[in-house]
Amino acid sequence: MRSQIGKEVEVPESSLTVGPFNTAILVRNMAHIVRHGVEQRDAAIRVSASGATTLIFRNKRLIMPGVGEDILREVPTIQDLLVSSLKPGENDVIIIGSANDKQTAELGAKMAAFKLLKSKER
């Protein structure tokens, strides 16, 4: 499991996040498991986070599953922060946990990542 979960980084509040405190975590080579990100959001909410935003790194850019438009175009500084800090590779997933405090945002991101890894086992 440690080989698949990468770095974490704090992310400023933006239109991409759903809470004042946000932590992003890298999950390697799991894009094929992500459907729409709802499962990750629900896992974060179960631990009292406000939610989670799931992004996939594909063709050298971050995309939101199930969304045709380039929503990260509106927040280029967030995209730059995520790519430069986490250094995703093709088909990696970045999950941003959001909450009203830093610890819950971290926990939300981690639980969403664990949910994604557990989905692989099925």
PDB file of N, CA and C in Angstrom:
ATOM      1  N   MET A   1       0.820  -1.183   0.000  1.00  0.00           N
ATOM      2  CA  MET A   1       0.000   0.000   0.000  1.00  0.00           C
ATOM      3  C   MET A   1       0.872   1.258   0.000  1.00  0.00           C
ATOM      4  N   ARG A   2       1.942   1.254   0.729  1.00  0.00           N
ATOM      5  CA  ARG A   2       2.828   2.421   0.762  1.00  0.00           C
ATOM      6  C   ARG A   2       3.430   2.733  -0.593  1.00  0.00           C
ATOM      7  N   SER A   3       3.624   1.716  -1.402  1.00  0.00           N
ATOM      8  CA  SER A   3       4.197   1.953  -2.721  1.00  0.00           C
ATOM      9  C   SER A   3       3.214   2.676  -3.636  1.00  0.00           C
ATOM     10  N   GLN A   4       1.931   2.645  -3.318  1.00  0.00           N
ATOM     11  CA  GLN A   4       0.928   3.285  -4.161  1.00  0.00           C
ATOM     12  C   GLN A   4       0.495   4.656  -3.656  1.00  0.00           C
ATOM     13  N   ILE A   5       0.707   4.927  -2.385  1.00  0.00           N
ATOM     14  CA  ILE A   5       0.331   6.232  -1.842  1.00  0.00           C
ATOM     15  C   ILE A   5       1.586   7.083  -1.756  1.00  0.00           C
ATOM     16  N   GLY A   6       1.512   8.252  -2.367  1.00  0.00           N
ATOM     17  CA  GLY A   6       2.660   9.149  -2.429  1.00  0.00           C
ATOM     18  C   GLY A   6       2.559  10.282  -1.434  1.00  0.00           C
ATOM     19  N   LYS A   7       3.127  11.385  -1.829  1.00  0.00           N
ATOM     20  CA  LYS A   7       3.217  12.572  -0.983  1.00  0.00           C
ATOM     21  C   LYS A   7       1.852  13.192  -0.722  1.00  0.00           C
ATOM     22  N   GLU A   8       1.877  14.117   0.251  1.00  0.00           N
ATOM     23  CA  GLU A   8       0.709  14.945   0.556  1.00  0.00           C
ATOM     24  C   GLU A   8       1.143  16.394   0.456  1.00  0.00           C
ATOM     25  N   VAL A   9       0.202  17.259   0.184  1.00  0.00           N
ATOM     26  CA  VAL A   9       0.482  18.688   0.150  1.00  0.00           C
ATOM     27  C   VAL A   9      -0.778  19.453   0.559  1.00  0.00           C
ATOM     28  N   GLU A  10      -0.588  20.546   1.305  1.00  0.00           N
ATOM     29  CA  GLU A  10      -1.713  21.413   1.631  1.00  0.00           C
ATOM     30  C   GLU A  10      -2.071  22.226   0.398  1.00  0.00           C
ATOM     31  N   VAL A  11      -3.361  22.416   0.205  1.00  0.00           N
ATOM     32  CA  VAL A  11      -3.868  23.130  -0.967  1.00  0.00           C
ATOM     33  C   VAL A  11      -4.719  24.298  -0.473  1.00  0.00           C
ATOM     34  N   PRO A  12      -4.503  25.492  -1.025  1.00  0.00           N
ATOM     35  CA  PRO A  12      -5.338  26.620  -0.602  1.00  0.00           C
ATOM     36  C   PRO A  12      -6.785  26.446  -1.056  1.00  0.00           C
ATOM     37  N   GLU A  13      -7.679  27.085  -0.345  1.00  0.00           N
ATOM     38  CA  GLU A  13      -9.095  27.060  -0.706  1.00  0.00           C
ATOM     39  C   GLU A  13      -9.279  27.693  -2.087  1.00  0.00           C
ATOM     40  N   SER A  14     -10.117  27.063  -2.896  1.00  0.00           N
ATOM     41  CA  SER A  14     -10.373  27.570  -4.246  1.00  0.00           C
ATOM     42  C   SER A  14     -11.723  27.037  -4.725  1.00  0.00           C
ATOM     43  N   SER A  15     -12.065  27.355  -5.969  1.00  0.00           N
ATOM     44  CA  SER A  15     -13.309  26.840  -6.546  1.00  0.00           C
ATOM     45  C   SER A  15     -13.263  25.329  -6.748  1.00  0.00           C
ATOM     46  N   LEU A  16     -12.077  24.752  -6.675  1.00  0.00           N
ATOM     47  CA  LEU A  16     -11.892  23.311  -6.849  1.00  0.00           C
ATOM     48  C   LEU A  16     -12.160  22.532  -5.561  1.00  0.00           C
ATOM     49  N   THR A  17     -12.066  23.202  -4.425  1.00  0.00           N
ATOM     50  CA  THR A  17     -12.191  22.545  -3.124  1.00  0.00           C
ATOM     51  C   THR A  17     -13.537  22.869  -2.477  1.00  0.00           C
ATOM     52  N   VAL A  18     -13.872  22.111  -1.442  1.00  0.00           N
ATOM     53  CA  VAL A  18     -15.166  22.305  -0.785  1.00  0.00           C
ATOM     54  C   VAL A  18     -15.049  22.664   0.688  1.00  0.00           C
ATOM     55  N   GLY A  19     -13.883  23.106   1.126  1.00  0.00           N
ATOM     56  CA  GLY A  19     -13.701  23.496   2.513  1.00  0.00           C
ATOM     57  C   GLY A  19     -12.545  24.453   2.672  1.00  0.00           C
ATOM     58  N   PRO A  20     -12.427  25.078   3.836  1.00  0.00           N
ATOM     59  CA  PRO A  20     -11.348  26.040   4.066  1.00  0.00           C
ATOM     60  C   PRO A  20      -9.969  25.395   4.226  1.00  0.00           C
ATOM     61  N   PHE A  21      -9.926  24.147   4.667  1.00  0.00           N
ATOM     62  CA  PHE A  21      -8.657  23.425   4.800  1.00  0.00           C
ATOM     63  C   PHE A  21      -8.676  22.261   3.817  1.00  0.00           C
ATOM     64  N   ASN A  22      -7.568  22.073   3.110  1.00  0.00           N
ATOM     65  CA  ASN A  22      -7.524  21.080   2.039  1.00  0.00           C
ATOM     66  C   ASN A  22      -6.166  20.405   1.996  1.00  0.00           C
ATOM     67  N   THR A  23      -6.182  19.099   1.875  1.00  0.00           N
ATOM     68  CA  THR A  23      -4.963  18.307   1.753  1.00  0.00           C
ATOM     69  C   THR A  23      -5.104  17.390   0.548  1.00  0.00           C
ATOM     70  N   ALA A  24      -4.082  17.426  -0.311  1.00  0.00           N
ATOM     71  CA  ALA A  24      -4.067  16.558  -1.491  1.00  0.00           C
ATOM     72  C   ALA A  24      -3.117  15.403  -1.250  1.00  0.00           C
ATOM     73  N   ILE A  25      -3.481  14.236  -1.751  1.00  0.00           N
ATOM     74  CA  ILE A  25      -2.657  13.038  -1.629  1.00  0.00           C
ATOM     75  C   ILE A  25      -2.589  12.350  -2.997  1.00  0.00           C
ATOM     76  N   LEU A  26      -1.435  11.804  -3.298  1.00  0.00           N
ATOM     77  CA  LEU A  26      -1.207  11.120  -4.568  1.00  0.00           C
ATOM     78  C   LEU A  26      -1.421   9.623  -4.398  1.00  0.00           C
ATOM     79  N   VAL A  27      -2.164   9.032  -5.330  1.00  0.00           N
ATOM     80  CA  VAL A  27      -2.356   7.582  -5.371  1.00  0.00           C
ATOM     81  C   VAL A  27      -1.883   7.134  -6.757  1.00  0.00           C
ATOM     82  N   ARG A  28      -0.847   6.334  -6.771  1.00  0.00           N
ATOM     83  CA  ARG A  28      -0.207   5.954  -8.035  1.00  0.00           C
ATOM     84  C   ARG A  28      -0.986   4.909  -8.835  1.00  0.00           C
ATOM     85  N   ASN A  29      -1.084   5.166 -10.129  1.00  0.00           N
ATOM     86  CA  ASN A  29      -1.578   4.206 -11.121  1.00  0.00           C
ATOM     87  C   ASN A  29      -2.938   3.594 -10.788  1.00  0.00           C
ATOM     88  N   MET A  30      -3.879   4.440 -10.382  1.00  0.00           N
ATOM     89  CA  MET A  30      -5.204   3.931 -10.028  1.00  0.00           C
ATOM     90  C   MET A  30      -6.326   4.607 -10.813  1.00  0.00           C
ATOM     91  N   ALA A  31      -5.998   5.351 -11.851  1.00  0.00           N
ATOM     92  CA  ALA A  31      -7.028   6.068 -12.620  1.00  0.00           C
ATOM     93  C   ALA A  31      -8.074   5.118 -13.193  1.00  0.00           C
ATOM     94  N   HIS A  32      -7.671   3.917 -13.546  1.00  0.00           N
ATOM     95  CA  HIS A  32      -8.602   2.959 -14.138  1.00  0.00           C
ATOM     96  C   HIS A  32      -9.688   2.502 -13.160  1.00  0.00           C
ATOM     97  N   ILE A  33      -9.504   2.733 -11.881  1.00  0.00           N
ATOM     98  CA  ILE A  33     -10.478   2.330 -10.866  1.00  0.00           C
ATOM     99  C   ILE A  33     -11.513   3.436 -10.621  1.00  0.00           C
ATOM    100  N   VAL A  34     -11.139   4.689 -10.849  1.00  0.00           N
ATOM    101  CA  VAL A  34     -12.018   5.827 -10.558  1.00  0.00           C
ATOM    102  C   VAL A  34     -13.186   5.855 -11.533  1.00  0.00           C
ATOM    103  N   ARG A  35     -14.376   6.020 -10.985  1.00  0.00           N
ATOM    104  CA  ARG A  35     -15.564   6.176 -11.834  1.00  0.00           C
ATOM    105  C   ARG A  35     -15.847   7.671 -11.995  1.00  0.00           C
ATOM    106  N   HIS A  36     -16.522   8.238 -11.010  1.00  0.00           N
ATOM    107  CA  HIS A  36     -16.827   9.668 -11.044  1.00  0.00           C
ATOM    108  C   HIS A  36     -16.289  10.407  -9.824  1.00  0.00           C
ATOM    109  N   GLY A  37     -15.624   9.705  -8.921  1.00  0.00           N
ATOM    110  CA  GLY A  37     -15.085  10.334  -7.718  1.00  0.00           C
ATOM    111  C   GLY A  37     -16.055  10.367  -6.554  1.00  0.00           C
ATOM    112  N   VAL A  38     -17.260   9.908  -6.775  1.00  0.00           N
ATOM    113  CA  VAL A  38     -18.282   9.933  -5.731  1.00  0.00           C
ATOM    114  C   VAL A  38     -17.900   9.020  -4.567  1.00  0.00           C
ATOM    115  N   GLU A  39     -17.319   7.873  -4.884  1.00  0.00           N
ATOM    116  CA  GLU A  39     -16.921   6.928  -3.830  1.00  0.00           C
ATOM    117  C   GLU A  39     -15.867   7.549  -2.912  1.00  0.00           C
ATOM    118  N   GLN A  40     -14.941   8.302  -3.486  1.00  0.00           N
ATOM    119  CA  GLN A  40     -13.904   8.955  -2.698  1.00  0.00           C
ATOM    120  C   GLN A  40     -14.519  10.072  -1.843  1.00  0.00           C
ATOM    121  N   ARG A  41     -15.428  10.828  -2.439  1.00  0.00           N
ATOM    122  CA  ARG A  41     -16.114  11.881  -1.679  1.00  0.00           C
ATOM    123  C   ARG A  41     -16.845  11.288  -0.477  1.00  0.00           C
ATOM    124  N   ASP A  42     -17.580  10.208  -0.711  1.00  0.00           N
ATOM    125  CA  ASP A  42     -18.340   9.577   0.370  1.00  0.00           C
ATOM    126  C   ASP A  42     -17.427   9.060   1.476  1.00  0.00           C
ATOM    127  N   ALA A  43     -16.281   8.497   1.114  1.00  0.00           N
ATOM    128  CA  ALA A  43     -15.326   8.009   2.122  1.00  0.00           C
ATOM    129  C   ALA A  43     -14.816   9.154   2.977  1.00  0.00           C
ATOM    130  N   ALA A  44     -14.575  10.300   2.372  1.00  0.00           N
ATOM    131  CA  ALA A  44     -14.111  11.472   3.121  1.00  0.00           C
ATOM    132  C   ALA A  44     -15.203  11.985   4.062  1.00  0.00           C
ATOM    133  N   ILE A  45     -16.421  12.018   3.571  1.00  0.00           N
ATOM    134  CA  ILE A  45     -17.547  12.506   4.381  1.00  0.00           C
ATOM    135  C   ILE A  45     -17.777  11.602   5.587  1.00  0.00           C
ATOM    136  N   ARG A  46     -17.555  10.303   5.423  1.00  0.00           N
ATOM    137  CA  ARG A  46     -17.756   9.356   6.542  1.00  0.00           C
ATOM    138  C   ARG A  46     -16.842   9.637   7.733  1.00  0.00           C
ATOM    139  N   VAL A  47     -15.727  10.341   7.510  1.00  0.00           N
ATOM    140  CA  VAL A  47     -14.824  10.671   8.618  1.00  0.00           C
ATOM    141  C   VAL A  47     -14.927  12.154   8.976  1.00  0.00           C
ATOM    142  N   SER A  48     -16.086  12.742   8.668  1.00  0.00           N
ATOM    143  CA  SER A  48     -16.435  14.119   9.016  1.00  0.00           C
ATOM    144  C   SER A  48     -15.765  15.198   8.178  1.00  0.00           C
ATOM    145  N   ALA A  49     -15.158  14.831   7.064  1.00  0.00           N
ATOM    146  CA  ALA A  49     -14.635  15.842   6.149  1.00  0.00           C
ATOM    147  C   ALA A  49     -15.810  16.456   5.379  1.00  0.00           C
ATOM    148  N   SER A  50     -15.581  17.604   4.781  1.00  0.00           N
ATOM    149  CA  SER A  50     -16.619  18.257   3.977  1.00  0.00           C
ATOM    150  C   SER A  50     -16.816  17.536   2.647  1.00  0.00           C
ATOM    151  N   GLY A  51     -15.761  16.869   2.189  1.00  0.00           N
ATOM    152  CA  GLY A  51     -15.831  16.144   0.931  1.00  0.00           C
ATOM    153  C   GLY A  51     -14.452  15.892   0.373  1.00  0.00           C
ATOM    154  N   ALA A  52     -14.403  15.451  -0.872  1.00  0.00           N
ATOM    155  CA  ALA A  52     -13.135  15.186  -1.550  1.00  0.00           C
ATOM    156  C   ALA A  52     -13.294  15.458  -3.036  1.00  0.00           C
ATOM    157  N   THR A  53     -12.232  15.957  -3.621  1.00  0.00           N
ATOM    158  CA  THR A  53     -12.178  16.201  -5.056  1.00  0.00           C
ATOM    159  C   THR A  53     -11.186  15.219  -5.655  1.00  0.00           C
ATOM    160  N   THR A  54     -11.605  14.459  -6.637  1.00  0.00           N
ATOM    161  CA  THR A  54     -10.748  13.457  -7.264  1.00  0.00           C
ATOM    162  C   THR A  54     -10.322  13.951  -8.640  1.00  0.00           C
ATOM    163  N   LEU A  55      -9.016  13.869  -8.891  1.00  0.00           N
ATOM    164  CA  LEU A  55      -8.442  14.288 -10.168  1.00  0.00           C
ATOM    165  C   LEU A  55      -7.581  13.169 -10.729  1.00  0.00           C
ATOM    166  N   ILE A  56      -7.556  13.053 -12.029  1.00  0.00           N
ATOM    167  CA  ILE A  56      -6.746  12.036 -12.710  1.00  0.00           C
ATOM    168  C   ILE A  56      -5.692  12.746 -13.548  1.00  0.00           C
ATOM    169  N   PHE A  57      -4.465  12.237 -13.523  1.00  0.00           N
ATOM    170  CA  PHE A  57      -3.395  12.790 -14.347  1.00  0.00           C
ATOM    171  C   PHE A  57      -3.296  11.957 -15.617  1.00  0.00           C
ATOM    172  N   ARG A  58      -3.667  12.593 -16.733  1.00  0.00           N
ATOM    173  CA  ARG A  58      -3.672  11.886 -18.008  1.00  0.00           C
ATOM    174  C   ARG A  58      -3.240  12.858 -19.109  1.00  0.00           C
ATOM    175  N   ASN A  59      -2.349  12.391 -19.981  1.00  0.00           N
ATOM    176  CA  ASN A  59      -1.846  13.222 -21.081  1.00  0.00           C
ATOM    177  C   ASN A  59      -1.237  14.535 -20.569  1.00  0.00           C
ATOM    178  N   LYS A  60      -0.489  14.416 -19.473  1.00  0.00           N
ATOM    179  CA  LYS A  60       0.261  15.532 -18.880  1.00  0.00           C
ATOM    180  C   LYS A  60      -0.615  16.647 -18.334  1.00  0.00           C
ATOM    181  N   ARG A  61      -1.850  16.301 -17.945  1.00  0.00           N
ATOM    182  CA  ARG A  61      -2.716  17.303 -17.329  1.00  0.00           C
ATOM    183  C   ARG A  61      -3.680  16.642 -16.354  1.00  0.00           C
ATOM    184  N   LEU A  62      -4.183  17.426 -15.433  1.00  0.00           N
ATOM    185  CA  LEU A  62      -5.148  16.944 -14.455  1.00  0.00           C
ATOM    186  C   LEU A  62      -6.554  17.145 -14.979  1.00  0.00           C
ATOM    187  N   ILE A  63      -7.358  16.097 -14.853  1.00  0.00           N
ATOM    188  CA  ILE A  63      -8.754  16.184 -15.276  1.00  0.00           C
ATOM    189  C   ILE A  63      -9.653  15.641 -14.169  1.00  0.00           C
ATOM    190  N   MET A  64     -10.874  16.116 -14.159  1.00  0.00           N
ATOM    191  CA  MET A  64     -11.854  15.617 -13.204  1.00  0.00           C
ATOM    192  C   MET A  64     -12.673  14.543 -13.912  1.00  0.00           C
ATOM    193  N   PRO A  65     -12.785  13.352 -13.309  1.00  0.00           N
ATOM    194  CA  PRO A  65     -13.537  12.283 -13.973  1.00  0.00           C
ATOM    195  C   PRO A  65     -14.992  12.681 -14.197  1.00  0.00           C
ATOM    196  N   GLY A  66     -15.485  12.341 -15.385  1.00  0.00           N
ATOM    197  CA  GLY A  66     -16.873  12.603 -15.714  1.00  0.00           C
ATOM    198  C   GLY A  66     -17.178  14.028 -16.153  1.00  0.00           C
ATOM    199  N   VAL A  67     -16.148  14.879 -16.206  1.00  0.00           N
ATOM    200  CA  VAL A  67     -16.346  16.271 -16.607  1.00  0.00           C
ATOM    201  C   VAL A  67     -15.595  16.499 -17.909  1.00  0.00           C
ATOM    202  N   GLY A  68     -16.295  16.936 -18.940  1.00  0.00           N
ATOM    203  CA  GLY A  68     -15.681  17.111 -20.242  1.00  0.00           C
ATOM    204  C   GLY A  68     -14.835  18.360 -20.371  1.00  0.00           C
ATOM    205  N   GLU A  69     -15.185  19.400 -19.610  1.00  0.00           N
ATOM    206  CA  GLU A  69     -14.460  20.659 -19.742  1.00  0.00           C
ATOM    207  C   GLU A  69     -13.229  20.699 -18.839  1.00  0.00           C
ATOM    208  N   ASP A  70     -12.333  21.610 -19.131  1.00  0.00           N
ATOM    209  CA  ASP A  70     -11.089  21.754 -18.370  1.00  0.00           C
ATOM    210  C   ASP A  70     -11.327  22.687 -17.187  1.00  0.00           C
ATOM    211  N   ILE A  71     -11.841  22.146 -16.084  1.00  0.00           N
ATOM    212  CA  ILE A  71     -12.167  22.990 -14.937  1.00  0.00           C
ATOM    213  C   ILE A  71     -10.931  23.547 -14.241  1.00  0.00           C
ATOM    214  N   LEU A  72      -9.801  22.893 -14.409  1.00  0.00           N
ATOM    215  CA  LEU A  72      -8.579  23.391 -13.771  1.00  0.00           C
ATOM    216  C   LEU A  72      -8.015  24.608 -14.484  1.00  0.00           C
ATOM    217  N   ARG A  73      -8.521  24.918 -15.637  1.00  0.00           N
ATOM    218  CA  ARG A  73      -8.101  26.110 -16.373  1.00  0.00           C
ATOM    219  C   ARG A  73      -8.359  27.360 -15.522  1.00  0.00           C
ATOM    220  N   GLU A  74      -9.412  27.302 -14.687  1.00  0.00           N
ATOM    221  CA  GLU A  74      -9.783  28.443 -13.855  1.00  0.00           C
ATOM    222  C   GLU A  74      -8.907  28.596 -12.619  1.00  0.00           C
ATOM    223  N   VAL A  75      -8.164  27.566 -12.277  1.00  0.00           N
ATOM    224  CA  VAL A  75      -7.292  27.621 -11.096  1.00  0.00           C
ATOM    225  C   VAL A  75      -5.887  27.119 -11.455  1.00  0.00           C
ATOM    226  N   PRO A  76      -5.197  27.810 -12.355  1.00  0.00           N
ATOM    227  CA  PRO A  76      -3.881  27.321 -12.800  1.00  0.00           C
ATOM    228  C   PRO A  76      -2.851  27.233 -11.681  1.00  0.00           C
ATOM    229  N   THR A  77      -2.958  28.088 -10.667  1.00  0.00           N
ATOM    230  CA  THR A  77      -1.983  28.015  -9.571  1.00  0.00           C
ATOM    231  C   THR A  77      -2.159  26.725  -8.771  1.00  0.00           C
ATOM    232  N   ILE A  78      -3.400  26.261  -8.630  1.00  0.00           N
ATOM    233  CA  ILE A  78      -3.651  25.003  -7.917  1.00  0.00           C
ATOM    234  C   ILE A  78      -3.106  23.838  -8.743  1.00  0.00           C
ATOM    235  N   GLN A  79      -3.369  23.849 -10.035  1.00  0.00           N
ATOM    236  CA  GLN A  79      -2.851  22.785 -10.900  1.00  0.00           C
ATOM    237  C   GLN A  79      -1.327  22.767 -10.840  1.00  0.00           C
ATOM    238  N   ASP A  80      -0.698  23.925 -10.933  1.00  0.00           N
ATOM    239  CA  ASP A  80       0.764  24.002 -10.873  1.00  0.00           C
ATOM    240  C   ASP A  80       1.287  23.478  -9.536  1.00  0.00           C
ATOM    241  N   LEU A  81       0.627  23.845  -8.435  1.00  0.00           N
ATOM    242  CA  LEU A  81       1.022  23.374  -7.105  1.00  0.00           C
ATOM    243  C   LEU A  81       0.934  21.857  -7.019  1.00  0.00           C
ATOM    244  N   LEU A  82      -0.175  21.286  -7.467  1.00  0.00           N
ATOM    245  CA  LEU A  82      -0.374  19.840  -7.385  1.00  0.00           C
ATOM    246  C   LEU A  82       0.652  19.081  -8.225  1.00  0.00           C
ATOM    247  N   VAL A  83       0.877  19.523  -9.441  1.00  0.00           N
ATOM    248  CA  VAL A  83       1.805  18.821 -10.330  1.00  0.00           C
ATOM    249  C   VAL A  83       3.247  18.972  -9.851  1.00  0.00           C
ATOM    250  N   SER A  84       3.642  20.175  -9.441  1.00  0.00           N
ATOM    251  CA  SER A  84       5.032  20.372  -9.022  1.00  0.00           C
ATOM    252  C   SER A  84       5.333  19.715  -7.673  1.00  0.00           C
ATOM    253  N   SER A  85       4.358  19.682  -6.779  1.00  0.00           N
ATOM    254  CA  SER A  85       4.586  19.106  -5.440  1.00  0.00           C
ATOM    255  C   SER A  85       4.456  17.594  -5.406  1.00  0.00           C
ATOM    256  N   LEU A  86       3.425  17.073  -6.072  1.00  0.00           N
ATOM    257  CA  LEU A  86       3.146  15.634  -5.994  1.00  0.00           C
ATOM    258  C   LEU A  86       3.792  14.833  -7.117  1.00  0.00           C
ATOM    259  N   LYS A  87       4.141  15.504  -8.209  1.00  0.00           N
ATOM    260  CA  LYS A  87       4.805  14.867  -9.350  1.00  0.00           C
ATOM    261  C   LYS A  87       4.071  13.613  -9.831  1.00  0.00           C
ATOM    262  N   PRO A  88       2.811  13.786 -10.226  1.00  0.00           N
ATOM    263  CA  PRO A  88       2.050  12.621 -10.700  1.00  0.00           C
ATOM    264  C   PRO A  88       2.578  12.092 -12.021  1.00  0.00           C
ATOM    265  N   GLY A  89       2.400  10.796 -12.219  1.00  0.00           N
ATOM    266  CA  GLY A  89       2.712  10.147 -13.485  1.00  0.00           C
ATOM    267  C   GLY A  89       1.411   9.807 -14.193  1.00  0.00           C
ATOM    268  N   GLU A  90       1.526   9.353 -15.413  1.00  0.00           N
ATOM    269  CA  GLU A  90       0.357   8.985 -16.207  1.00  0.00           C
ATOM    270  C   GLU A  90      -0.512   7.992 -15.441  1.00  0.00           C
ATOM    271  N   ASN A  91      -1.812   8.264 -15.388  1.00  0.00           N
ATOM    272  CA  ASN A  91      -2.819   7.438 -14.720  1.00  0.00           C
ATOM    273  C   ASN A  91      -2.751   7.451 -13.194  1.00  0.00           C
ATOM    274  N   ASP A  92      -2.036   8.421 -12.631  1.00  0.00           N
ATOM    275  CA  ASP A  92      -2.073   8.609 -11.185  1.00  0.00           C
ATOM    276  C   ASP A  92      -3.328   9.386 -10.816  1.00  0.00           C
ATOM    277  N   VAL A  93      -3.716   9.311  -9.548  1.00  0.00           N
ATOM    278  CA  VAL A  93      -4.894   9.994  -9.037  1.00  0.00           C
ATOM    279  C   VAL A  93      -4.450  10.927  -7.914  1.00  0.00           C
ATOM    280  N   ILE A  94      -5.024  12.111  -7.896  1.00  0.00           N
ATOM    281  CA  ILE A  94      -4.818  13.041  -6.787  1.00  0.00           C
ATOM    282  C   ILE A  94      -6.177  13.269  -6.148  1.00  0.00           C
ATOM    283  N   ILE A  95      -6.235  13.067  -4.839  1.00  0.00           N
ATOM    284  CA  ILE A  95      -7.468  13.275  -4.091  1.00  0.00           C
ATOM    285  C   ILE A  95      -7.232  14.421  -3.119  1.00  0.00           C
ATOM    286  N   ILE A  96      -8.128  15.402  -3.162  1.00  0.00           N
ATOM    287  CA  ILE A  96      -8.045  16.542  -2.250  1.00  0.00           C
ATOM    288  C   ILE A  96      -9.155  16.397  -1.217  1.00  0.00           C
ATOM    289  N   GLY A  97      -8.755  16.160   0.027  1.00  0.00           N
ATOM    290  CA  GLY A  97      -9.717  16.103   1.129  1.00  0.00           C
ATOM    291  C   GLY A  97      -9.930  17.504   1.669  1.00  0.00           C
ATOM    292  N   SER A  98     -11.180  17.866   1.929  1.00  0.00           N
ATOM    293  CA  SER A  98     -11.527  19.207   2.412  1.00  0.00           C
ATOM    294  C   SER A  98     -12.301  19.109   3.715  1.00  0.00           C
ATOM    295  N   ALA A  99     -12.037  20.072   4.619  1.00  0.00           N
ATOM    296  CA  ALA A  99     -12.732  20.075   5.907  1.00  0.00           C
ATOM    297  C   ALA A  99     -12.597  21.442   6.565  1.00  0.00           C
ATOM    298  N   ASN A 100     -13.183  21.546   7.750  1.00  0.00           N
ATOM    299  CA  ASN A 100     -13.108  22.792   8.513  1.00  0.00           C
ATOM    300  C   ASN A 100     -11.858  22.888   9.365  1.00  0.00           C
ATOM    301  N   ASP A 101     -11.049  21.830   9.378  1.00  0.00           N
ATOM    302  CA  ASP A 101      -9.763  21.868  10.076  1.00  0.00           C
ATOM    303  C   ASP A 101      -8.755  20.996   9.332  1.00  0.00           C
ATOM    304  N   LYS A 102      -7.495  21.268   9.585  1.00  0.00           N
ATOM    305  CA  LYS A 102      -6.412  20.614   8.845  1.00  0.00           C
ATOM    306  C   LYS A 102      -6.404  19.095   9.048  1.00  0.00           C
ATOM    307  N   GLN A 103      -6.557  18.641  10.272  1.00  0.00           N
ATOM    308  CA  GLN A 103      -6.480  17.215  10.566  1.00  0.00           C
ATOM    309  C   GLN A 103      -7.588  16.422   9.884  1.00  0.00           C
ATOM    310  N   THR A 104      -8.789  16.970   9.875  1.00  0.00           N
ATOM    311  CA  THR A 104      -9.904  16.269   9.240  1.00  0.00           C
ATOM    312  C   THR A 104      -9.744  16.267   7.719  1.00  0.00           C
ATOM    313  N   ALA A 105      -9.184  17.333   7.167  1.00  0.00           N
ATOM    314  CA  ALA A 105      -8.915  17.360   5.722  1.00  0.00           C
ATOM    315  C   ALA A 105      -7.910  16.263   5.359  1.00  0.00           C
ATOM    316  N   GLU A 106      -6.858  16.113   6.159  1.00  0.00           N
ATOM    317  CA  GLU A 106      -5.866  15.050   5.930  1.00  0.00           C
ATOM    318  C   GLU A 106      -6.513  13.684   6.040  1.00  0.00           C
ATOM    319  N   LEU A 107      -7.304  13.490   7.074  1.00  0.00           N
ATOM    320  CA  LEU A 107      -7.971  12.204   7.285  1.00  0.00           C
ATOM    321  C   LEU A 107      -8.930  11.904   6.132  1.00  0.00           C
ATOM    322  N   GLY A 108      -9.662  12.900   5.683  1.00  0.00           N
ATOM    323  CA  GLY A 108     -10.577  12.716   4.559  1.00  0.00           C
ATOM    324  C   GLY A 108      -9.845  12.280   3.297  1.00  0.00           C
ATOM    325  N   ALA A 109      -8.709  12.916   3.006  1.00  0.00           N
ATOM    326  CA  ALA A 109      -7.916  12.543   1.831  1.00  0.00           C
ATOM    327  C   ALA A 109      -7.398  11.115   1.959  1.00  0.00           C
ATOM    328  N   LYS A 110      -6.909  10.767   3.132  1.00  0.00           N
ATOM    329  CA  LYS A 110      -6.361   9.419   3.339  1.00  0.00           C
ATOM    330  C   LYS A 110      -7.447   8.349   3.258  1.00  0.00           C
ATOM    331  N   MET A 111      -8.591   8.600   3.842  1.00  0.00           N
ATOM    332  CA  MET A 111      -9.661   7.609   3.781  1.00  0.00           C
ATOM    333  C   MET A 111     -10.178   7.440   2.358  1.00  0.00           C
ATOM    334  N   ALA A 112     -10.232   8.533   1.606  1.00  0.00           N
ATOM    335  CA  ALA A 112     -10.648   8.444   0.203  1.00  0.00           C
ATOM    336  C   ALA A 112      -9.626   7.638  -0.598  1.00  0.00           C
ATOM    337  N   ALA A 113      -8.336   7.826  -0.293  1.00  0.00           N
ATOM    338  CA  ALA A 113      -7.281   7.059  -0.969  1.00  0.00           C
ATOM    339  C   ALA A 113      -7.385   5.576  -0.614  1.00  0.00           C
ATOM    340  N   PHE A 114      -7.642   5.278   0.650  1.00  0.00           N
ATOM    341  CA  PHE A 114      -7.799   3.880   1.060  1.00  0.00           C
ATOM    342  C   PHE A 114      -9.005   3.251   0.387  1.00  0.00           C
ATOM    343  N   LYS A 115     -10.082   4.002   0.248  1.00  0.00           N
ATOM    344  CA  LYS A 115     -11.275   3.503  -0.434  1.00  0.00           C
ATOM    345  C   LYS A 115     -10.944   3.145  -1.885  1.00  0.00           C
ATOM    346  N   LEU A 116     -10.151   3.981  -2.522  1.00  0.00           N
ATOM    347  CA  LEU A 116      -9.750   3.730  -3.897  1.00  0.00           C
ATOM    348  C   LEU A 116      -8.908   2.462  -3.976  1.00  0.00           C
ATOM    349  N   LEU A 117      -7.962   2.323  -3.063  1.00  0.00           N
ATOM    350  CA  LEU A 117      -7.118   1.119  -3.067  1.00  0.00           C
ATOM    351  C   LEU A 117      -7.925  -0.135  -2.767  1.00  0.00           C
ATOM    352  N   LYS A 118      -8.894  -0.001  -1.876  1.00  0.00           N
ATOM    353  CA  LYS A 118      -9.731  -1.156  -1.545  1.00  0.00           C
ATOM    354  C   LYS A 118     -10.598  -1.563  -2.740  1.00  0.00           C
ATOM    355  N   SER A 119     -11.006  -0.598  -3.548  1.00  0.00           N
ATOM    356  CA  SER A 119     -11.800  -0.891  -4.748  1.00  0.00           C
ATOM    357  C   SER A 119     -11.017  -1.747  -5.737  1.00  0.00           C
ATOM    358  N   LYS A 120      -9.715  -1.622  -5.718  1.00  0.00           N
ATOM    359  CA  LYS A 120      -8.855  -2.399  -6.621  1.00  0.00           C
ATOM    360  C   LYS A 120      -8.955  -3.893  -6.322  1.00  0.00           C
ATOM    361  N   GLU A 121      -9.177  -4.225  -5.051  1.00  0.00           N
ATOM    362  CA  GLU A 121      -9.227  -5.617  -4.623  1.00  0.00           C
ATOM    363  C   GLU A 121     -10.452  -6.351  -5.140  1.00  0.00           C
ATOM    364  N   ARG A 122     -11.467  -5.636  -5.553  1.00  0.00           N
ATOM    365  CA  ARG A 122     -12.721  -6.268  -5.986  1.00  0.00           C
ATOM    366  C   ARG A 122     -12.655  -6.765  -7.385  1.00  0.00           C
TER     367      ARG A 122
END
